[in-house]
PDB file of N, CA and C in Angstrom:
ATOM      1  N   UNK A   1      21.618  29.244  -1.776  1.00  0.00           N
ATOM      2  CA  UNK A   1      20.257  28.751  -1.538  1.00  0.00           C
ATOM      3  C   UNK A   1      19.993  27.583  -2.476  1.00  0.00           C
ATOM      4  N   UNK A   2      19.650  26.426  -1.909  1.00  0.00           N
ATOM      5  CA  UNK A   2      19.382  25.225  -2.706  1.00  0.00           C
ATOM      6  C   UNK A   2      17.896  25.117  -2.996  1.00  0.00           C
ATOM      7  N   UNK A   3      17.601  24.657  -4.195  1.00  0.00           N
ATOM      8  CA  UNK A   3      16.204  24.433  -4.556  1.00  0.00           C
ATOM      9  C   UNK A   3      16.027  22.928  -4.725  1.00  0.00           C
ATOM     10  N   UNK A   4      15.214  22.314  -3.876  1.00  0.00           N
ATOM     11  CA  UNK A   4      14.972  20.879  -3.909  1.00  0.00           C
ATOM     12  C   UNK A   4      13.472  20.667  -4.021  1.00  0.00           C
ATOM     13  N   UNK A   5      13.062  19.789  -4.904  1.00  0.00           N
ATOM     14  CA  UNK A   5      11.637  19.513  -4.967  1.00  0.00           C
ATOM     15  C   UNK A   5      11.353  18.193  -5.666  1.00  0.00           C
ATOM     16  N   UNK A   6      10.201  17.655  -5.342  1.00  0.00           N
ATOM     17  CA  UNK A   6       9.690  16.464  -6.007  1.00  0.00           C
ATOM     18  C   UNK A   6       8.348  16.846  -6.601  1.00  0.00           C
ATOM     19  N   UNK A   7       8.127  16.481  -7.843  1.00  0.00           N
ATOM     20  CA  UNK A   7       6.875  16.779  -8.522  1.00  0.00           C
ATOM     21  C   UNK A   7       6.224  15.446  -8.867  1.00  0.00           C
ATOM     22  N   UNK A   8       5.016  15.232  -8.416  1.00  0.00           N
ATOM     23  CA  UNK A   8       4.328  13.959  -8.628  1.00  0.00           C
ATOM     24  C   UNK A   8       3.102  14.214  -9.476  1.00  0.00           C
ATOM     25  N   UNK A   9       3.000  13.503 -10.597  1.00  0.00           N
ATOM     26  CA  UNK A   9       1.873  13.671 -11.509  1.00  0.00           C
ATOM     27  C   UNK A   9       1.215  12.323 -11.735  1.00  0.00           C
ATOM     28  N   UNK A  10      -0.088  12.271 -11.562  1.00  0.00           N
ATOM     29  CA  UNK A  10      -0.875  11.087 -11.874  1.00  0.00           C
ATOM     30  C   UNK A  10      -1.189  11.159 -13.367  1.00  0.00           C
ATOM     31  N   UNK A  11      -0.847  10.106 -14.128  1.00  0.00           N
ATOM     32  CA  UNK A  11      -1.030  10.184 -15.576  1.00  0.00           C
ATOM     33  C   UNK A  11      -2.334   9.589 -16.074  1.00  0.00           C
ATOM     34  N   UNK A  12      -2.989   8.737 -15.290  1.00  0.00           N
ATOM     35  CA  UNK A  12      -4.265   8.158 -15.707  1.00  0.00           C
ATOM     36  C   UNK A  12      -5.132   7.970 -14.478  1.00  0.00           C
ATOM     37  N   UNK A  13      -6.407   8.061 -14.519  1.00  0.00           N
ATOM     38  CA  UNK A  13      -7.209   8.433 -15.660  1.00  0.00           C
ATOM     39  C   UNK A  13      -7.148   9.926 -15.963  1.00  0.00           C
ATOM     40  N   UNK A  14      -6.757  10.751 -14.996  1.00  0.00           N
ATOM     41  CA  UNK A  14      -6.638  12.187 -15.240  1.00  0.00           C
ATOM     42  C   UNK A  14      -5.187  12.583 -15.035  1.00  0.00           C
ATOM     43  N   UNK A  15      -4.759  13.593 -15.739  1.00  0.00           N
ATOM     44  CA  UNK A  15      -3.396  14.084 -15.541  1.00  0.00           C
ATOM     45  C   UNK A  15      -3.474  15.263 -14.582  1.00  0.00           C
ATOM     46  N   UNK A  16      -3.206  14.993 -13.300  1.00  0.00           N
ATOM     47  CA  UNK A  16      -3.255  16.051 -12.308  1.00  0.00           C
ATOM     48  C   UNK A  16      -2.118  15.880 -11.312  1.00  0.00           C
ATOM     49  N   UNK A  17      -1.765  16.956 -10.662  1.00  0.00           N
ATOM     50  CA  UNK A  17      -0.678  16.928  -9.693  1.00  0.00           C
ATOM     51  C   UNK A  17      -1.150  16.336  -8.374  1.00  0.00           C
ATOM     52  N   UNK A  18      -0.207  15.712  -7.682  1.00  0.00           N
ATOM     53  CA  UNK A  18      -0.439  15.170  -6.356  1.00  0.00           C
ATOM     54  C   UNK A  18       0.441  15.983  -5.406  1.00  0.00           C
ATOM     55  N   UNK A  19      -0.146  16.459  -4.340  1.00  0.00           N
ATOM     56  CA  UNK A  19       0.616  17.265  -3.397  1.00  0.00           C
ATOM     57  C   UNK A  19       1.652  16.401  -2.682  1.00  0.00           C
ATOM     58  N   UNK A  20       2.856  16.933  -2.532  1.00  0.00           N
ATOM     59  CA  UNK A  20       3.935  16.228  -1.837  1.00  0.00           C
ATOM     60  C   UNK A  20       4.570  17.170  -0.827  1.00  0.00           C
ATOM     61  N   UNK A  21       4.846  16.649   0.360  1.00  0.00           N
ATOM     62  CA  UNK A  21       5.551  17.411   1.386  1.00  0.00           C
ATOM     63  C   UNK A  21       6.995  16.942   1.412  1.00  0.00           C
ATOM     64  N   UNK A  22       7.932  17.867   1.312  1.00  0.00           N
ATOM     65  CA  UNK A  22       9.354  17.559   1.366  1.00  0.00           C
ATOM     66  C   UNK A  22       9.894  18.087   2.685  1.00  0.00           C
ATOM     67  N   UNK A  23      10.469  17.187   3.484  1.00  0.00           N
ATOM     68  CA  UNK A  23      10.951  17.540   4.815  1.00  0.00           C
ATOM     69  C   UNK A  23      12.447  17.240   4.885  1.00  0.00           C
ATOM     70  N   UNK A  24      13.237  18.221   5.254  1.00  0.00           N
ATOM     71  CA  UNK A  24      14.674  17.994   5.419  1.00  0.00           C
ATOM     72  C   UNK A  24      14.881  17.252   6.739  1.00  0.00           C
ATOM     73  N   UNK A  25      15.547  16.099   6.683  1.00  0.00           N
ATOM     74  CA  UNK A  25      15.758  15.283   7.873  1.00  0.00           C
ATOM     75  C   UNK A  25      17.197  15.364   8.377  1.00  0.00           C
ATOM     76  N   UNK A  26      18.035  16.149   7.694  1.00  0.00           N
ATOM     77  CA  UNK A  26      19.405  16.360   8.150  1.00  0.00           C
ATOM     78  C   UNK A  26      20.436  15.747   7.235  1.00  0.00           C
ATOM     79  N   UNK A  27      21.646  16.264   7.310  1.00  0.00           N
ATOM     80  CA  UNK A  27      22.779  15.766   6.519  1.00  0.00           C
ATOM     81  C   UNK A  27      22.474  15.733   5.031  1.00  0.00           C
ATOM     82  N   UNK A  28      21.701  16.702   4.532  1.00  0.00           N
ATOM     83  CA  UNK A  28      21.399  16.750   3.104  1.00  0.00           C
ATOM     84  C   UNK A  28      20.384  15.728   2.647  1.00  0.00           C
ATOM     85  N   UNK A  29      19.683  15.071   3.579  1.00  0.00           N
ATOM     86  CA  UNK A  29      18.675  14.057   3.243  1.00  0.00           C
ATOM     87  C   UNK A  29      17.279  14.624   3.449  1.00  0.00           C
ATOM     88  N   UNK A  30      16.356  14.171   2.597  1.00  0.00           N
ATOM     89  CA  UNK A  30      14.984  14.657   2.630  1.00  0.00           C
ATOM     90  C   UNK A  30      14.015  13.490   2.615  1.00  0.00           C
ATOM     91  N   UNK A  31      12.897  13.657   3.291  1.00  0.00           N
ATOM     92  CA  UNK A  31      11.796  12.694   3.244  1.00  0.00           C
ATOM     93  C   UNK A  31      10.673  13.346   2.449  1.00  0.00           C
ATOM     94  N   UNK A  32      10.124  12.595   1.492  1.00  0.00           N
ATOM     95  CA  UNK A  32       9.010  13.107   0.694  1.00  0.00           C
ATOM     96  C   UNK A  32       7.793  12.243   0.996  1.00  0.00           C
ATOM     97  N   UNK A  33       6.710  12.893   1.361  1.00  0.00           N
ATOM     98  CA  UNK A  33       5.480  12.185   1.714  1.00  0.00           C
ATOM     99  C   UNK A  33       4.386  12.630   0.757  1.00  0.00           C
ATOM    100  N   UNK A  34       3.721  11.638   0.143  1.00  0.00           N
ATOM    101  CA  UNK A  34       2.603  11.964  -0.749  1.00  0.00           C
ATOM    102  C   UNK A  34       1.513  10.929  -0.589  1.00  0.00           C
ATOM    103  N   UNK A  35       0.296  11.328  -0.899  1.00  0.00           N
ATOM    104  CA  UNK A  35      -0.854  10.430  -0.807  1.00  0.00           C
ATOM    105  C   UNK A  35      -1.572  10.445  -2.145  1.00  0.00           C
ATOM    106  N   UNK A  36      -1.381   9.397  -2.959  1.00  0.00           N
ATOM    107  CA  UNK A  36      -2.105   9.342  -4.235  1.00  0.00           C
ATOM    108  C   UNK A  36      -3.605   9.233  -3.978  1.00  0.00           C
ATOM    109  N   UNK A  37      -4.395   9.895  -4.804  1.00  0.00           N
ATOM    110  CA  UNK A  37      -5.847   9.880  -4.602  1.00  0.00           C
ATOM    111  C   UNK A  37      -6.544   8.835  -5.463  1.00  0.00           C
ATOM    112  N   UNK A  38      -5.812   8.273  -6.422  1.00  0.00           N
ATOM    113  CA  UNK A  38      -6.436   7.264  -7.275  1.00  0.00           C
ATOM    114  C   UNK A  38      -5.379   6.306  -7.824  1.00  0.00           C
ATOM    115  N   UNK A  39      -5.871   5.176  -8.310  1.00  0.00           N
ATOM    116  CA  UNK A  39      -5.001   4.169  -8.905  1.00  0.00           C
ATOM    117  C   UNK A  39      -4.514   4.623 -10.277  1.00  0.00           C
ATOM    118  N   UNK A  40      -3.430   4.028 -10.731  1.00  0.00           N
ATOM    119  CA  UNK A  40      -2.942   4.293 -12.068  1.00  0.00           C
ATOM    120  C   UNK A  40      -1.469   4.637 -12.071  1.00  0.00           C
ATOM    121  N   UNK A  41      -0.907   4.760 -13.267  1.00  0.00           N
ATOM    122  CA  UNK A  41       0.508   5.102 -13.366  1.00  0.00           C
ATOM    123  C   UNK A  41       0.737   6.560 -12.985  1.00  0.00           C
ATOM    124  N   UNK A  42       1.802   6.795 -12.262  1.00  0.00           N
ATOM    125  CA  UNK A  42       2.200   8.133 -11.845  1.00  0.00           C
ATOM    126  C   UNK A  42       3.610   8.407 -12.356  1.00  0.00           C
ATOM    127  N   UNK A  43       3.965   9.658 -12.412  1.00  0.00           N
ATOM    128  CA  UNK A  43       5.331  10.064 -12.736  1.00  0.00           C
ATOM    129  C   UNK A  43       5.836  10.886 -11.560  1.00  0.00           C
ATOM    130  N   UNK A  44       6.982  10.494 -11.011  1.00  0.00           N
ATOM    131  CA  UNK A  44       7.600  11.257  -9.941  1.00  0.00           C
ATOM    132  C   UNK A  44       8.915  11.808 -10.475  1.00  0.00           C
ATOM    133  N   UNK A  45       8.958  13.119 -10.640  1.00  0.00           N
ATOM    134  CA  UNK A  45      10.168  13.789 -11.116  1.00  0.00           C
ATOM    135  C   UNK A  45      10.899  14.342  -9.898  1.00  0.00           C
ATOM    136  N   UNK A  46      12.128  13.879  -9.677  1.00  0.00           N
ATOM    137  CA  UNK A  46      12.931  14.357  -8.560  1.00  0.00           C
ATOM    138  C   UNK A  46      14.091  15.150  -9.142  1.00  0.00           C
ATOM    139  N   UNK A  47      14.167  16.419  -8.755  1.00  0.00           N
ATOM    140  CA  UNK A  47      15.194  17.306  -9.301  1.00  0.00           C
ATOM    141  C   UNK A  47      16.005  17.949  -8.189  1.00  0.00           C
ATOM    142  N   UNK A  48      17.248  18.198  -8.485  1.00  0.00           N
ATOM    143  CA  UNK A  48      18.096  19.030  -7.636  1.00  0.00           C
ATOM    144  C   UNK A  48      18.359  20.276  -8.453  1.00  0.00           C
ATOM    145  N   UNK A  49      17.824  21.404  -8.007  1.00  0.00           N
ATOM    146  CA  UNK A  49      17.821  22.586  -8.856  1.00  0.00           C
ATOM    147  C   UNK A  49      16.885  22.316 -10.018  1.00  0.00           C
ATOM    148  N   UNK A  50      17.369  22.475 -11.222  1.00  0.00           N
ATOM    149  CA  UNK A  50      16.559  22.192 -12.406  1.00  0.00           C
ATOM    150  C   UNK A  50      16.958  20.892 -13.096  1.00  0.00           C
ATOM    151  N   UNK A  51      17.806  20.090 -12.439  1.00  0.00           N
ATOM    152  CA  UNK A  51      18.341  18.884 -13.061  1.00  0.00           C
ATOM    153  C   UNK A  51      17.777  17.635 -12.399  1.00  0.00           C
ATOM    154  N   UNK A  52      17.292  16.695 -13.213  1.00  0.00           N
ATOM    155  CA  UNK A  52      16.802  15.420 -12.691  1.00  0.00           C
ATOM    156  C   UNK A  52      17.926  14.667 -11.988  1.00  0.00           C
ATOM    157  N   UNK A  53      17.616  14.034 -10.854  1.00  0.00           N
ATOM    158  CA  UNK A  53      18.581  13.158 -10.189  1.00  0.00           C
ATOM    159  C   UNK A  53      18.626  11.842 -10.961  1.00  0.00           C
ATOM    160  N   UNK A  54      19.687  11.034 -10.810  1.00  0.00           N
ATOM    161  CA  UNK A  54      19.763   9.757 -11.533  1.00  0.00           C
ATOM    162  C   UNK A  54      18.520   8.899 -11.287  1.00  0.00           C
ATOM    163  N   UNK A  55      17.950   8.370 -12.352  1.00  0.00           N
ATOM    164  CA  UNK A  55      16.760   7.517 -12.276  1.00  0.00           C
ATOM    165  C   UNK A  55      15.447   8.257 -12.431  1.00  0.00           C
ATOM    166  N   UNK A  56      15.462   9.570 -12.243  1.00  0.00           N
ATOM    167  CA  UNK A  56      14.249  10.365 -12.389  1.00  0.00           C
ATOM    168  C   UNK A  56      13.990  10.584 -13.885  1.00  0.00           C
ATOM    169  N   UNK A  57      12.769  10.485 -14.290  1.00  0.00           N
ATOM    170  CA  UNK A  57      11.516  10.412 -13.573  1.00  0.00           C
ATOM    171  C   UNK A  57      11.174   8.952 -13.260  1.00  0.00           C
ATOM    172  N   UNK A  58      10.670   8.753 -12.034  1.00  0.00           N
ATOM    173  CA  UNK A  58      10.267   7.438 -11.577  1.00  0.00           C
ATOM    174  C   UNK A  58       8.807   7.216 -11.960  1.00  0.00           C
ATOM    175  N   UNK A  59       8.425   5.968 -12.189  1.00  0.00           N
ATOM    176  CA  UNK A  59       7.072   5.675 -12.685  1.00  0.00           C
ATOM    177  C   UNK A  59       6.405   4.556 -11.872  1.00  0.00           C
ATOM    178  N   UNK A  60       6.002   4.860 -10.628  1.00  0.00           N
ATOM    179  CA  UNK A  60       5.312   3.835  -9.846  1.00  0.00           C
ATOM    180  C   UNK A  60       3.884   3.607 -10.338  1.00  0.00           C
ATOM    181  N   UNK A  61       3.432   2.396 -10.240  1.00  0.00           N
ATOM    182  CA  UNK A  61       2.043   2.046 -10.536  1.00  0.00           C
ATOM    183  C   UNK A  61       1.314   2.020  -9.198  1.00  0.00           C
ATOM    184  N   UNK A  62       0.362   2.908  -9.009  1.00  0.00           N
ATOM    185  CA  UNK A  62      -0.383   2.985  -7.760  1.00  0.00           C
ATOM    186  C   UNK A  62      -1.585   2.052  -7.861  1.00  0.00           C
ATOM    187  N   UNK A  63      -1.659   1.107  -6.929  1.00  0.00           N
ATOM    188  CA  UNK A  63      -2.741   0.120  -6.933  1.00  0.00           C
ATOM    189  C   UNK A  63      -3.479   0.165  -5.599  1.00  0.00           C
ATOM    190  N   UNK A  64      -4.645  -0.401  -5.610  1.00  0.00           N
ATOM    191  CA  UNK A  64      -5.485  -0.451  -4.410  1.00  0.00           C
ATOM    192  C   UNK A  64      -4.753  -1.202  -3.306  1.00  0.00           C
ATOM    193  N   UNK A  65      -4.710  -0.599  -2.153  1.00  0.00           N
ATOM    194  CA  UNK A  65      -4.136  -1.278  -0.996  1.00  0.00           C
ATOM    195  C   UNK A  65      -5.103  -2.317  -0.464  1.00  0.00           C
ATOM    196  N   UNK A  66      -4.591  -3.208   0.331  1.00  0.00           N
ATOM    197  CA  UNK A  66      -5.444  -4.234   0.920  1.00  0.00           C
ATOM    198  C   UNK A  66      -5.393  -4.123   2.430  1.00  0.00           C
ATOM    199  N   UNK A  67      -6.394  -4.674   3.057  1.00  0.00           N
ATOM    200  CA  UNK A  67      -6.445  -4.682   4.512  1.00  0.00           C
ATOM    201  C   UNK A  67      -7.173  -5.935   4.965  1.00  0.00           C
ATOM    202  N   UNK A  68      -7.193  -6.152   6.236  1.00  0.00           N
ATOM    203  CA  UNK A  68      -7.907  -7.304   6.783  1.00  0.00           C
ATOM    204  C   UNK A  68      -9.379  -7.262   6.394  1.00  0.00           C
ATOM    205  N   UNK A  69      -9.907  -6.075   6.115  1.00  0.00           N
ATOM    206  CA  UNK A  69     -11.296  -5.945   5.689  1.00  0.00           C
ATOM    207  C   UNK A  69     -11.561  -6.564   4.327  1.00  0.00           C
ATOM    208  N   UNK A  70     -10.496  -6.855   3.570  1.00  0.00           N
ATOM    209  CA  UNK A  70     -10.638  -7.496   2.266  1.00  0.00           C
ATOM    210  C   UNK A  70     -10.653  -9.023   2.370  1.00  0.00           C
ATOM    211  N   UNK A  71     -10.507  -9.551   3.584  1.00  0.00           N
ATOM    212  CA  UNK A  71     -10.465 -10.998   3.816  1.00  0.00           C
ATOM    213  C   UNK A  71     -11.688 -11.395   4.627  1.00  0.00           C
ATOM    214  N   UNK A  72     -12.342 -12.475   4.223  1.00  0.00           N
ATOM    215  CA  UNK A  72     -13.523 -12.972   4.927  1.00  0.00           C
ATOM    216  C   UNK A  72     -13.235 -14.333   5.553  1.00  0.00           C
ATOM    217  N   UNK A  73     -13.685 -14.527   6.782  1.00  0.00           N
ATOM    218  CA  UNK A  73     -13.634 -15.833   7.441  1.00  0.00           C
ATOM    219  C   UNK A  73     -15.066 -16.213   7.769  1.00  0.00           C
ATOM    220  N   UNK A  74     -15.436 -17.450   7.400  1.00  0.00           N
ATOM    221  CA  UNK A  74     -16.822 -17.867   7.634  1.00  0.00           C
ATOM    222  C   UNK A  74     -16.891 -19.388   7.751  1.00  0.00           C
ATOM    223  N   UNK A  75     -17.965 -19.852   8.308  1.00  0.00           N
ATOM    224  CA  UNK A  75     -18.225 -21.290   8.404  1.00  0.00           C
ATOM    225  C   UNK A  75     -18.633 -21.706   9.801  1.00  0.00           C
ATOM    226  N   UNK A  76     -19.179 -22.899   9.890  1.00  0.00           N
ATOM    227  CA  UNK A  76     -19.730 -23.418  11.130  1.00  0.00           C
ATOM    228  C   UNK A  76     -18.667 -23.564  12.220  1.00  0.00           C
ATOM    229  N   UNK A  77     -17.418 -23.875  11.809  1.00  0.00           N
ATOM    230  CA  UNK A  77     -16.343 -24.040  12.780  1.00  0.00           C
ATOM    231  C   UNK A  77     -15.983 -22.766  13.528  1.00  0.00           C
ATOM    232  N   UNK A  78     -16.434 -21.632  13.054  1.00  0.00           N
ATOM    233  CA  UNK A  78     -16.223 -20.374  13.767  1.00  0.00           C
ATOM    234  C   UNK A  78     -17.354 -20.074  14.738  1.00  0.00           C
ATOM    235  N   UNK A  79     -18.418 -20.881  14.670  1.00  0.00           N
ATOM    236  CA  UNK A  79     -19.601 -20.628  15.497  1.00  0.00           C
ATOM    237  C   UNK A  79     -19.775 -21.654  16.611  1.00  0.00           C
ATOM    238  N   UNK A  80     -19.420 -22.921  16.318  1.00  0.00           N
ATOM    239  CA  UNK A  80     -19.627 -23.978  17.305  1.00  0.00           C
ATOM    240  C   UNK A  80     -18.763 -25.184  16.967  1.00  0.00           C
ATOM    241  N   UNK A  81     -18.680 -26.126  17.899  1.00  0.00           N
ATOM    242  CA  UNK A  81     -17.928 -27.351  17.678  1.00  0.00           C
ATOM    243  C   UNK A  81     -18.239 -28.370  18.751  1.00  0.00           C
ATOM    244  N   UNK A  82     -17.745 -29.608  18.541  1.00  0.00           N
ATOM    245  CA  UNK A  82     -17.946 -30.699  19.480  1.00  0.00           C
ATOM    246  C   UNK A  82     -16.587 -31.331  19.750  1.00  0.00           C
ATOM    247  N   UNK A  83     -16.217 -31.560  21.029  1.00  0.00           N
ATOM    248  CA  UNK A  83     -14.929 -32.194  21.322  1.00  0.00           C
ATOM    249  C   UNK A  83     -14.785 -33.530  20.581  1.00  0.00           C
ATOM    250  N   UNK A  84     -13.617 -33.758  19.960  1.00  0.00           N
ATOM    251  CA  UNK A  84     -13.344 -35.002  19.259  1.00  0.00           C
ATOM    252  C   UNK A  84     -13.883 -35.057  17.843  1.00  0.00           C
ATOM    253  N   UNK A  85     -14.580 -34.022  17.385  1.00  0.00           N
ATOM    254  CA  UNK A  85     -15.156 -33.987  16.042  1.00  0.00           C
ATOM    255  C   UNK A  85     -14.511 -32.825  15.277  1.00  0.00           C
ATOM    256  N   UNK A  86     -14.050 -33.121  14.052  1.00  0.00           N
ATOM    257  CA  UNK A  86     -13.419 -32.076  13.245  1.00  0.00           C
ATOM    258  C   UNK A  86     -14.394 -30.939  12.968  1.00  0.00           C
ATOM    259  N   UNK A  87     -13.870 -29.744  13.059  1.00  0.00           N
ATOM    260  CA  UNK A  87     -14.640 -28.556  12.706  1.00  0.00           C
ATOM    261  C   UNK A  87     -13.910 -27.872  11.563  1.00  0.00           C
ATOM    262  N   UNK A  88     -14.652 -27.148  10.749  1.00  0.00           N
ATOM    263  CA  UNK A  88     -13.997 -26.448   9.645  1.00  0.00           C
ATOM    264  C   UNK A  88     -14.601 -25.077   9.453  1.00  0.00           C
ATOM    265  N   UNK A  89     -13.762 -24.213   8.887  1.00  0.00           N
ATOM    266  CA  UNK A  89     -14.204 -22.896   8.451  1.00  0.00           C
ATOM    267  C   UNK A  89     -13.377 -22.521   7.239  1.00  0.00           C
ATOM    268  N   UNK A  90     -13.770 -21.459   6.589  1.00  0.00           N
ATOM    269  CA  UNK A  90     -13.145 -21.052   5.340  1.00  0.00           C
ATOM    270  C   UNK A  90     -12.621 -19.621   5.457  1.00  0.00           C
ATOM    271  N   UNK A  91     -11.549 -19.346   4.718  1.00  0.00           N
ATOM    272  CA  UNK A  91     -10.989 -18.002   4.633  1.00  0.00           C
ATOM    273  C   UNK A  91     -10.907 -17.642   3.161  1.00  0.00           C
ATOM    274  N   UNK A  92     -11.545 -16.550   2.797  1.00  0.00           N
ATOM    275  CA  UNK A  92     -11.535 -16.074   1.413  1.00  0.00           C
ATOM    276  C   UNK A  92     -10.696 -14.809   1.346  1.00  0.00           C
ATOM    277  N   UNK A  93      -9.498 -14.927   0.764  1.00  0.00           N
ATOM    278  CA  UNK A  93      -8.618 -13.770   0.629  1.00  0.00           C
ATOM    279  C   UNK A  93      -8.513 -13.309  -0.828  1.00  0.00           C
ATOM    280  N   UNK A  94      -9.462 -13.752  -1.672  1.00  0.00           N
ATOM    281  CA  UNK A  94      -9.399 -13.451  -3.105  1.00  0.00           C
ATOM    282  C   UNK A  94      -9.491 -11.955  -3.400  1.00  0.00           C
ATOM    283  N   UNK A  95     -10.165 -11.194  -2.548  1.00  0.00           N
ATOM    284  CA  UNK A  95     -10.280  -9.749  -2.776  1.00  0.00           C
ATOM    285  C   UNK A  95      -9.035  -8.993  -2.321  1.00  0.00           C
ATOM    286  N   UNK A  96      -8.151  -9.660  -1.582  1.00  0.00           N
ATOM    287  CA  UNK A  96      -6.964  -9.002  -1.059  1.00  0.00           C
ATOM    288  C   UNK A  96      -5.848  -8.925  -2.086  1.00  0.00           C
ATOM    289  N   UNK A  97      -5.921  -9.703  -3.160  1.00  0.00           N
ATOM    290  CA  UNK A  97      -4.890  -9.656  -4.187  1.00  0.00           C
ATOM    291  C   UNK A  97      -3.801 -10.684  -3.942  1.00  0.00           C
ATOM    292  N   UNK A  98      -3.014 -10.980  -4.983  1.00  0.00           N
ATOM    293  CA  UNK A  98      -2.026 -12.052  -4.905  1.00  0.00           C
ATOM    294  C   UNK A  98      -0.817 -11.730  -4.029  1.00  0.00           C
ATOM    295  N   UNK A  99      -0.463 -10.481  -3.854  1.00  0.00           N
ATOM    296  CA  UNK A  99       0.723 -10.112  -3.085  1.00  0.00           C
ATOM    297  C   UNK A  99       0.354  -9.317  -1.846  1.00  0.00           C
ATOM    298  N   UNK A 100      -0.693  -9.759  -1.154  1.00  0.00           N
ATOM    299  CA  UNK A 100      -1.231  -8.946  -0.078  1.00  0.00           C
ATOM    300  C   UNK A 100      -0.595  -9.212   1.274  1.00  0.00           C
ATOM    301  N   UNK A 101       0.205 -10.238   1.423  1.00  0.00           N
ATOM    302  CA  UNK A 101       0.823 -10.496   2.717  1.00  0.00           C
ATOM    303  C   UNK A 101       0.522 -11.889   3.209  1.00  0.00           C
ATOM    304  N   UNK A 102       0.958 -12.152   4.419  1.00  0.00           N
ATOM    305  CA  UNK A 102       0.825 -13.476   5.010  1.00  0.00           C
ATOM    306  C   UNK A 102      -0.516 -13.622   5.721  1.00  0.00           C
ATOM    307  N   UNK A 103      -1.041 -14.823   5.659  1.00  0.00           N
ATOM    308  CA  UNK A 103      -2.275 -15.159   6.364  1.00  0.00           C
ATOM    309  C   UNK A 103      -1.886 -15.883   7.640  1.00  0.00           C
ATOM    310  N   UNK A 104      -2.414 -15.460   8.746  1.00  0.00           N
ATOM    311  CA  UNK A 104      -2.111 -16.109  10.021  1.00  0.00           C
ATOM    312  C   UNK A 104      -3.385 -16.609  10.662  1.00  0.00           C
ATOM    313  N   UNK A 105      -3.316 -17.816  11.231  1.00  0.00           N
ATOM    314  CA  UNK A 105      -4.452 -18.403  11.935  1.00  0.00           C
ATOM    315  C   UNK A 105      -3.942 -18.960  13.264  1.00  0.00           C
ATOM    316  N   UNK A 106      -4.588 -18.582  14.349  1.00  0.00           N
ATOM    317  CA  UNK A 106      -4.266 -19.128  15.671  1.00  0.00           C
ATOM    318  C   UNK A 106      -5.544 -19.659  16.274  1.00  0.00           C
ATOM    319  N   UNK A 107      -5.473 -20.862  16.837  1.00  0.00           N
ATOM    320  CA  UNK A 107      -6.633 -21.446  17.516  1.00  0.00           C
ATOM    321  C   UNK A 107      -6.194 -21.762  18.938  1.00  0.00           C
ATOM    322  N   UNK A 108      -6.820 -21.115  19.906  1.00  0.00           N
ATOM    323  CA  UNK A 108      -6.470 -21.264  21.304  1.00  0.00           C
ATOM    324  C   UNK A 108      -7.727 -21.638  22.066  1.00  0.00           C
ATOM    325  N   UNK A 109      -7.670 -22.600  22.938  1.00  0.00           N
ATOM    326  CA  UNK A 109      -8.855 -22.960  23.688  1.00  0.00           C
ATOM    327  C   UNK A 109      -8.501 -23.829  24.882  1.00  0.00           C
ATOM    328  N   UNK A 110      -9.417 -24.107  25.754  1.00  0.00           N
ATOM    329  CA  UNK A 110     -10.715 -23.438  25.860  1.00  0.00           C
ATOM    330  C   UNK A 110     -10.576 -22.029  26.411  1.00  0.00           C
ATOM    331  N   UNK A 111     -11.621 -21.249  26.215  1.00  0.00           N
ATOM    332  CA  UNK A 111     -11.620 -19.844  26.628  1.00  0.00           C
ATOM    333  C   UNK A 111     -11.674 -19.747  28.129  1.00  0.00           C
TER     334      UNK A 111
END
């Protein structure tokens, strides 16, 4: 009987455990799914039996995720325009963070 488990602990601001589901996916491989409830440094201890696997304990920094809701588009060019006259609008992605992904803009017309 093999004992396999992952233990995830949030170290700041509170030291509490995070629930993790370990699912055997076959051929001795496992998928571990966890949902951190707050930002901050965590410790993930991965053991086989009572022995840490190489690299354990892992220390991911959990940060706020970003979404399209963190990006704002605004300006007159999004509301109206005149043929032959430049229109402009602005995109503010400052709340999305520096490594939040690619920004895409498509302009197709007329409707």
